[in-house]
Amino acid sequence: MLSIVAIAAMIQSSPDTTPPQLIREDDYASCACPSSAPDDIIEIDGVVRDAELRLAPNGKSVLPEQATVFTVISASDESISGTVKVHHSTEPAKCGLAFDYGKRYLVRAVRKGDRLTSSYCLDPRRAVAD
């Protein structure tokens, strides 16, 4: 019993050799935006309702890209109404985005094939009144 307590005390008093995690002030420091915005930007005023996550091939971890589902209040493209998915990265270093459920946003997106995509570079904004 005494030796177990001594070992436990040694483990607790051992210095932690794990280096501290560095937290950058600006997570977007390595996000590289193009010098000019695309001409075909679609503006969507919408409320976040859901998200569609993508799993890695291992089936356990989530990939750093997702689609956020918005209930559309208005859009500059008349074909967009009801609910819409906006695809985006979630990694700040790759100009990713994060949205809060239930909040209203003015999202700027572009069409890529049959998808709407957005990024930090397109300057999405939280709506004033949500």
N, C-alpha and C. Protein backbone atom coordinates (compact mmCIF):
# COMPACT_ATOMS: atom_id res chain seq x y z
N MET A 1 0.83 -1.19 0.00
CA MET A 1 0.00 0.00 0.00
C MET A 1 0.87 1.25 0.00
N LEU A 2 1.90 1.25 0.82
CA LEU A 2 2.79 2.41 0.91
C LEU A 2 3.48 2.68 -0.42
N SER A 3 3.89 1.63 -1.13
CA SER A 3 4.58 1.84 -2.40
C SER A 3 3.64 2.41 -3.46
N ILE A 4 2.36 2.04 -3.42
CA ILE A 4 1.39 2.58 -4.37
C ILE A 4 1.22 4.08 -4.14
N VAL A 5 1.13 4.49 -2.89
CA VAL A 5 1.00 5.90 -2.56
C VAL A 5 2.24 6.66 -3.00
N ALA A 6 3.42 6.09 -2.82
CA ALA A 6 4.67 6.74 -3.21
C ALA A 6 4.73 6.92 -4.73
N ILE A 7 4.31 5.89 -5.47
CA ILE A 7 4.31 6.00 -6.93
C ILE A 7 3.32 7.07 -7.38
N ALA A 8 2.15 7.09 -6.78
CA ALA A 8 1.14 8.09 -7.12
C ALA A 8 1.67 9.49 -6.84
N ALA A 9 2.38 9.67 -5.74
CA ALA A 9 2.95 10.98 -5.40
C ALA A 9 4.01 11.37 -6.42
N MET A 10 4.81 10.41 -6.88
CA MET A 10 5.85 10.70 -7.87
C MET A 10 5.20 11.12 -9.20
N ILE A 11 4.13 10.44 -9.58
CA ILE A 11 3.46 10.78 -10.83
C ILE A 11 2.87 12.18 -10.76
N GLN A 12 2.25 12.51 -9.64
CA GLN A 12 1.63 13.82 -9.50
C GLN A 12 2.65 14.93 -9.46
N SER A 13 3.85 14.66 -8.94
CA SER A 13 4.84 15.72 -8.81
C SER A 13 5.77 15.80 -10.02
N SER A 14 5.63 14.88 -10.99
CA SER A 14 6.47 14.92 -12.19
C SER A 14 6.16 16.18 -12.99
N PRO A 15 7.19 16.82 -13.51
CA PRO A 15 6.92 18.00 -14.33
C PRO A 15 6.26 17.59 -15.64
N ASP A 16 5.35 18.42 -16.12
CA ASP A 16 4.67 18.16 -17.38
C ASP A 16 5.61 18.54 -18.51
N THR A 17 5.98 17.57 -19.34
CA THR A 17 6.91 17.85 -20.42
C THR A 17 6.21 18.20 -21.73
N THR A 18 4.88 18.23 -21.71
CA THR A 18 4.13 18.61 -22.91
C THR A 18 4.29 20.10 -23.14
N PRO A 19 4.72 20.49 -24.35
CA PRO A 19 4.86 21.93 -24.60
C PRO A 19 3.50 22.62 -24.58
N PRO A 20 3.44 23.84 -24.11
CA PRO A 20 2.16 24.55 -24.06
C PRO A 20 1.65 24.82 -25.47
N GLN A 21 0.34 24.81 -25.62
CA GLN A 21 -0.28 25.13 -26.91
C GLN A 21 -0.16 26.63 -27.15
N LEU A 22 0.26 26.99 -28.32
CA LEU A 22 0.35 28.40 -28.67
C LEU A 22 -0.99 28.85 -29.22
N ILE A 23 -1.51 29.92 -28.69
CA ILE A 23 -2.77 30.47 -29.17
C ILE A 23 -2.45 31.77 -29.89
N ARG A 24 -2.72 31.79 -31.18
CA ARG A 24 -2.43 32.98 -31.96
C ARG A 24 -3.53 34.01 -31.77
N GLU A 25 -3.12 35.26 -31.76
CA GLU A 25 -4.11 36.34 -31.64
C GLU A 25 -5.03 36.37 -32.85
N ASP A 26 -4.47 36.10 -34.02
CA ASP A 26 -5.27 36.15 -35.24
C ASP A 26 -5.25 34.79 -35.92
N ASP A 27 -6.31 34.02 -35.73
CA ASP A 27 -6.39 32.70 -36.34
C ASP A 27 -6.43 32.77 -37.86
N TYR A 28 -6.75 33.92 -38.40
CA TYR A 28 -6.85 34.06 -39.85
C TYR A 28 -5.55 34.58 -40.47
N ALA A 29 -4.46 34.58 -39.72
CA ALA A 29 -3.20 35.13 -40.21
C ALA A 29 -2.72 34.46 -41.48
N SER A 30 -2.96 33.16 -41.64
CA SER A 30 -2.50 32.48 -42.85
C SER A 30 -3.58 32.31 -43.91
N CYS A 31 -4.72 32.95 -43.70
CA CYS A 31 -5.79 32.95 -44.70
C CYS A 31 -5.39 33.90 -45.82
N ALA A 32 -5.30 33.39 -47.03
CA ALA A 32 -4.89 34.22 -48.18
C ALA A 32 -6.09 34.47 -49.08
N CYS A 33 -6.57 35.70 -49.06
CA CYS A 33 -7.72 36.07 -49.89
C CYS A 33 -7.24 36.62 -51.23
N PRO A 34 -8.02 36.39 -52.30
CA PRO A 34 -7.66 36.99 -53.59
C PRO A 34 -7.72 38.51 -53.50
N SER A 35 -6.99 39.17 -54.38
CA SER A 35 -6.94 40.64 -54.33
C SER A 35 -8.25 41.29 -54.74
N SER A 36 -9.08 40.59 -55.51
CA SER A 36 -10.37 41.17 -55.89
C SER A 36 -11.48 40.15 -55.66
N ALA A 37 -12.65 40.66 -55.36
CA ALA A 37 -13.81 39.79 -55.10
C ALA A 37 -14.38 39.30 -56.42
N PRO A 38 -14.99 38.11 -56.41
CA PRO A 38 -15.63 37.62 -57.64
C PRO A 38 -16.79 38.53 -58.04
N ASP A 39 -17.11 38.54 -59.32
CA ASP A 39 -18.20 39.39 -59.83
C ASP A 39 -19.58 38.81 -59.54
N ASP A 40 -19.64 37.52 -59.34
CA ASP A 40 -20.94 36.83 -59.24
C ASP A 40 -21.36 36.53 -57.81
N ILE A 41 -21.13 37.46 -56.91
CA ILE A 41 -21.48 37.25 -55.50
C ILE A 41 -23.00 37.30 -55.31
N ILE A 42 -23.50 36.33 -54.56
CA ILE A 42 -24.92 36.28 -54.21
C ILE A 42 -25.02 36.64 -52.73
N GLU A 43 -25.87 37.59 -52.40
CA GLU A 43 -26.06 37.98 -50.99
C GLU A 43 -27.31 37.31 -50.46
N ILE A 44 -27.15 36.68 -49.30
CA ILE A 44 -28.26 35.96 -48.66
C ILE A 44 -28.44 36.49 -47.25
N ASP A 45 -29.64 36.91 -46.93
CA ASP A 45 -30.01 37.30 -45.57
C ASP A 45 -30.74 36.09 -45.01
N GLY A 46 -30.15 35.44 -44.01
CA GLY A 46 -30.78 34.22 -43.52
C GLY A 46 -30.44 33.90 -42.07
N VAL A 47 -31.19 32.98 -41.52
CA VAL A 47 -31.02 32.53 -40.13
C VAL A 47 -30.48 31.10 -40.15
N VAL A 48 -29.44 30.86 -39.36
CA VAL A 48 -28.83 29.52 -39.30
C VAL A 48 -29.79 28.55 -38.62
N ARG A 49 -30.09 27.46 -39.32
CA ARG A 49 -31.01 26.45 -38.79
C ARG A 49 -30.35 25.10 -38.55
N ASP A 50 -29.31 24.77 -39.30
CA ASP A 50 -28.73 23.43 -39.19
C ASP A 50 -27.35 23.44 -39.84
N ALA A 51 -26.65 22.32 -39.74
CA ALA A 51 -25.37 22.16 -40.41
C ALA A 51 -25.25 20.72 -40.90
N GLU A 52 -24.59 20.57 -42.00
CA GLU A 52 -24.34 19.25 -42.57
C GLU A 52 -22.83 19.01 -42.48
N LEU A 53 -22.44 18.07 -41.64
CA LEU A 53 -21.03 17.76 -41.45
C LEU A 53 -20.61 16.64 -42.37
N ARG A 54 -19.33 16.56 -42.66
CA ARG A 54 -18.80 15.48 -43.49
C ARG A 54 -17.79 14.70 -42.65
N LEU A 55 -17.93 13.37 -42.70
CA LEU A 55 -17.03 12.51 -41.94
C LEU A 55 -15.82 12.13 -42.78
N ALA A 56 -14.70 11.96 -42.10
CA ALA A 56 -13.48 11.49 -42.73
C ALA A 56 -13.66 10.02 -43.12
N PRO A 57 -12.81 9.49 -43.98
CA PRO A 57 -12.93 8.08 -44.38
C PRO A 57 -12.94 7.10 -43.20
N ASN A 58 -12.33 7.48 -42.07
CA ASN A 58 -12.34 6.58 -40.92
C ASN A 58 -13.71 6.50 -40.26
N GLY A 59 -14.62 7.38 -40.65
CA GLY A 59 -15.98 7.37 -40.12
C GLY A 59 -16.11 7.88 -38.70
N LYS A 60 -15.02 8.39 -38.13
CA LYS A 60 -15.04 8.83 -36.73
C LYS A 60 -14.80 10.32 -36.56
N SER A 61 -13.95 10.89 -37.39
CA SER A 61 -13.65 12.31 -37.23
C SER A 61 -14.37 13.13 -38.29
N VAL A 62 -14.55 14.40 -37.99
CA VAL A 62 -15.27 15.31 -38.88
C VAL A 62 -14.26 16.05 -39.74
N LEU A 63 -14.54 16.13 -41.03
CA LEU A 63 -13.67 16.88 -41.94
C LEU A 63 -13.85 18.38 -41.69
N PRO A 64 -12.84 19.19 -42.02
CA PRO A 64 -12.93 20.63 -41.76
C PRO A 64 -13.72 21.39 -42.82
N GLU A 65 -14.76 20.77 -43.34
CA GLU A 65 -15.66 21.48 -44.25
C GLU A 65 -17.08 21.03 -43.94
N GLN A 66 -18.00 21.93 -44.13
CA GLN A 66 -19.39 21.61 -43.84
C GLN A 66 -20.29 22.50 -44.68
N ALA A 67 -21.58 22.23 -44.59
CA ALA A 67 -22.58 23.10 -45.21
C ALA A 67 -23.45 23.61 -44.08
N THR A 68 -23.61 24.91 -44.00
CA THR A 68 -24.52 25.50 -43.02
C THR A 68 -25.85 25.73 -43.71
N VAL A 69 -26.93 25.35 -43.04
CA VAL A 69 -28.27 25.47 -43.61
C VAL A 69 -28.91 26.74 -43.06
N PHE A 70 -29.35 27.60 -43.98
CA PHE A 70 -29.99 28.87 -43.62
C PHE A 70 -31.45 28.85 -44.04
N THR A 71 -32.30 29.45 -43.21
CA THR A 71 -33.66 29.79 -43.64
C THR A 71 -33.53 31.17 -44.27
N VAL A 72 -33.88 31.27 -45.54
CA VAL A 72 -33.66 32.50 -46.31
C VAL A 72 -34.76 33.52 -46.01
N ILE A 73 -34.32 34.72 -45.64
CA ILE A 73 -35.23 35.85 -45.48
C ILE A 73 -35.33 36.58 -46.82
N SER A 74 -34.17 36.82 -47.43
CA SER A 74 -34.12 37.41 -48.76
C SER A 74 -32.78 37.04 -49.40
N ALA A 75 -32.74 37.14 -50.72
CA ALA A 75 -31.50 36.85 -51.45
C ALA A 75 -31.45 37.69 -52.71
N SER A 76 -30.25 38.03 -53.13
CA SER A 76 -30.09 38.82 -54.36
C SER A 76 -30.38 37.99 -55.61
N ASP A 77 -30.39 36.68 -55.48
CA ASP A 77 -30.74 35.77 -56.57
C ASP A 77 -32.15 35.26 -56.29
N GLU A 78 -33.10 35.60 -57.15
CA GLU A 78 -34.50 35.25 -56.91
C GLU A 78 -34.77 33.75 -56.88
N SER A 79 -33.85 32.94 -57.40
CA SER A 79 -34.06 31.49 -57.39
C SER A 79 -33.77 30.88 -56.01
N ILE A 80 -33.22 31.68 -55.10
CA ILE A 80 -32.89 31.19 -53.76
C ILE A 80 -33.98 31.61 -52.79
N SER A 81 -34.65 30.62 -52.20
CA SER A 81 -35.69 30.89 -51.20
C SER A 81 -35.85 29.66 -50.32
N GLY A 82 -36.65 29.78 -49.29
CA GLY A 82 -36.87 28.64 -48.38
C GLY A 82 -35.65 28.37 -47.54
N THR A 83 -35.02 27.23 -47.75
CA THR A 83 -33.77 26.93 -47.06
C THR A 83 -32.68 26.72 -48.10
N VAL A 84 -31.46 27.02 -47.72
CA VAL A 84 -30.33 26.89 -48.63
C VAL A 84 -29.11 26.42 -47.84
N LYS A 85 -28.28 25.59 -48.47
CA LYS A 85 -27.02 25.16 -47.88
C LYS A 85 -25.90 26.01 -48.45
N VAL A 86 -25.04 26.52 -47.56
CA VAL A 86 -23.86 27.26 -47.99
C VAL A 86 -22.66 26.46 -47.51
N HIS A 87 -21.84 25.98 -48.44
CA HIS A 87 -20.67 25.16 -48.13
C HIS A 87 -19.48 26.06 -47.79
N HIS A 88 -18.68 25.61 -46.83
CA HIS A 88 -17.51 26.39 -46.41
C HIS A 88 -16.57 25.54 -45.58
N SER A 89 -15.32 25.98 -45.53
CA SER A 89 -14.34 25.36 -44.64
C SER A 89 -14.64 25.84 -43.22
N THR A 90 -14.17 25.08 -42.25
CA THR A 90 -14.31 25.51 -40.86
C THR A 90 -12.95 25.89 -40.26
N GLU A 91 -11.89 25.80 -41.05
CA GLU A 91 -10.55 26.12 -40.57
C GLU A 91 -10.20 27.58 -40.86
N PRO A 92 -9.92 28.37 -39.83
CA PRO A 92 -9.55 29.77 -40.06
C PRO A 92 -8.35 29.92 -40.99
N ALA A 93 -7.37 29.03 -40.89
CA ALA A 93 -6.18 29.13 -41.74
C ALA A 93 -6.51 28.94 -43.21
N LYS A 94 -7.65 28.30 -43.48
CA LYS A 94 -8.11 28.12 -44.87
C LYS A 94 -9.29 29.03 -45.16
N CYS A 95 -9.35 30.14 -44.44
CA CYS A 95 -10.40 31.16 -44.62
C CYS A 95 -11.79 30.62 -44.30
N GLY A 96 -11.85 29.69 -43.36
CA GLY A 96 -13.11 29.05 -42.98
C GLY A 96 -14.00 29.94 -42.14
N LEU A 97 -15.22 29.46 -41.96
CA LEU A 97 -16.23 30.22 -41.24
C LEU A 97 -16.84 29.39 -40.12
N ALA A 98 -17.45 30.08 -39.18
CA ALA A 98 -18.24 29.44 -38.12
C ALA A 98 -19.47 30.31 -37.92
N PHE A 99 -20.62 29.66 -37.84
CA PHE A 99 -21.88 30.37 -37.65
C PHE A 99 -22.55 29.87 -36.38
N ASP A 100 -23.29 30.74 -35.71
CA ASP A 100 -24.03 30.38 -34.50
C ASP A 100 -25.46 30.03 -34.86
N TYR A 101 -25.93 28.89 -34.33
CA TYR A 101 -27.30 28.46 -34.58
C TYR A 101 -28.30 29.52 -34.13
N GLY A 102 -29.33 29.72 -34.93
CA GLY A 102 -30.40 30.65 -34.57
C GLY A 102 -30.09 32.10 -34.82
N LYS A 103 -28.88 32.41 -35.25
CA LYS A 103 -28.50 33.80 -35.50
C LYS A 103 -28.71 34.16 -36.96
N ARG A 104 -28.93 35.43 -37.18
CA ARG A 104 -29.18 35.95 -38.54
C ARG A 104 -27.88 36.50 -39.12
N TYR A 105 -27.60 36.16 -40.36
CA TYR A 105 -26.38 36.59 -41.04
C TYR A 105 -26.69 37.14 -42.42
N LEU A 106 -25.85 38.03 -42.87
CA LEU A 106 -25.83 38.49 -44.25
C LEU A 106 -24.64 37.77 -44.88
N VAL A 107 -24.92 36.71 -45.61
CA VAL A 107 -23.89 35.84 -46.15
C VAL A 107 -23.67 36.17 -47.62
N ARG A 108 -22.41 36.24 -47.99
CA ARG A 108 -22.05 36.44 -49.39
C ARG A 108 -21.47 35.13 -49.88
N ALA A 109 -21.99 34.63 -50.98
CA ALA A 109 -21.58 33.34 -51.51
C ALA A 109 -21.45 33.40 -53.03
N VAL A 110 -20.80 32.40 -53.59
CA VAL A 110 -20.71 32.26 -55.04
C VAL A 110 -21.12 30.84 -55.41
N ARG A 111 -21.58 30.68 -56.63
CA ARG A 111 -21.94 29.34 -57.12
C ARG A 111 -20.68 28.65 -57.64
N LYS A 112 -20.51 27.41 -57.22
CA LYS A 112 -19.45 26.55 -57.76
C LYS A 112 -20.15 25.26 -58.15
N GLY A 113 -20.44 25.12 -59.42
CA GLY A 113 -21.24 23.99 -59.87
C GLY A 113 -22.66 24.15 -59.34
N ASP A 114 -23.14 23.12 -58.66
CA ASP A 114 -24.50 23.20 -58.10
C ASP A 114 -24.51 23.61 -56.63
N ARG A 115 -23.37 24.08 -56.13
CA ARG A 115 -23.25 24.47 -54.72
C ARG A 115 -23.06 25.97 -54.57
N LEU A 116 -23.51 26.46 -53.41
CA LEU A 116 -23.16 27.82 -52.98
C LEU A 116 -22.02 27.67 -52.01
N THR A 117 -20.96 28.44 -52.18
CA THR A 117 -19.82 28.38 -51.26
C THR A 117 -19.51 29.78 -50.75
N SER A 118 -18.94 29.82 -49.55
CA SER A 118 -18.56 31.09 -48.95
C SER A 118 -17.24 30.92 -48.22
N SER A 119 -16.66 32.03 -47.84
CA SER A 119 -15.42 32.01 -47.07
C SER A 119 -15.27 33.34 -46.34
N TYR A 120 -14.30 33.39 -45.48
CA TYR A 120 -13.95 34.61 -44.75
C TYR A 120 -13.67 35.75 -45.73
N CYS A 121 -13.12 35.42 -46.88
CA CYS A 121 -12.75 36.43 -47.88
C CYS A 121 -13.97 37.15 -48.46
N LEU A 122 -15.12 36.52 -48.43
CA LEU A 122 -16.34 37.15 -48.96
C LEU A 122 -17.03 38.01 -47.93
N ASP A 123 -16.47 38.09 -46.73
CA ASP A 123 -16.92 39.02 -45.69
C ASP A 123 -18.37 38.83 -45.24
N PRO A 124 -18.72 37.62 -44.77
CA PRO A 124 -20.08 37.44 -44.23
C PRO A 124 -20.22 38.26 -42.95
N ARG A 125 -21.41 38.74 -42.68
CA ARG A 125 -21.64 39.59 -41.51
C ARG A 125 -22.81 39.10 -40.69
N ARG A 126 -22.71 39.29 -39.42
CA ARG A 126 -23.84 39.04 -38.54
C ARG A 126 -24.84 40.16 -38.78
N ALA A 127 -26.09 39.83 -38.98
CA ALA A 127 -27.11 40.85 -39.22
C ALA A 127 -27.31 41.70 -37.96
N VAL A 128 -27.67 42.94 -38.15
CA VAL A 128 -27.84 43.87 -37.03
C VAL A 128 -28.97 43.40 -36.12
N ALA A 129 -30.08 43.02 -36.71
CA ALA A 129 -31.23 42.59 -35.89
C ALA A 129 -31.39 41.09 -36.00
N ASP A 130 -31.10 40.37 -34.93
CA ASP A 130 -31.37 38.92 -34.96
C ASP A 130 -32.07 38.54 -33.73
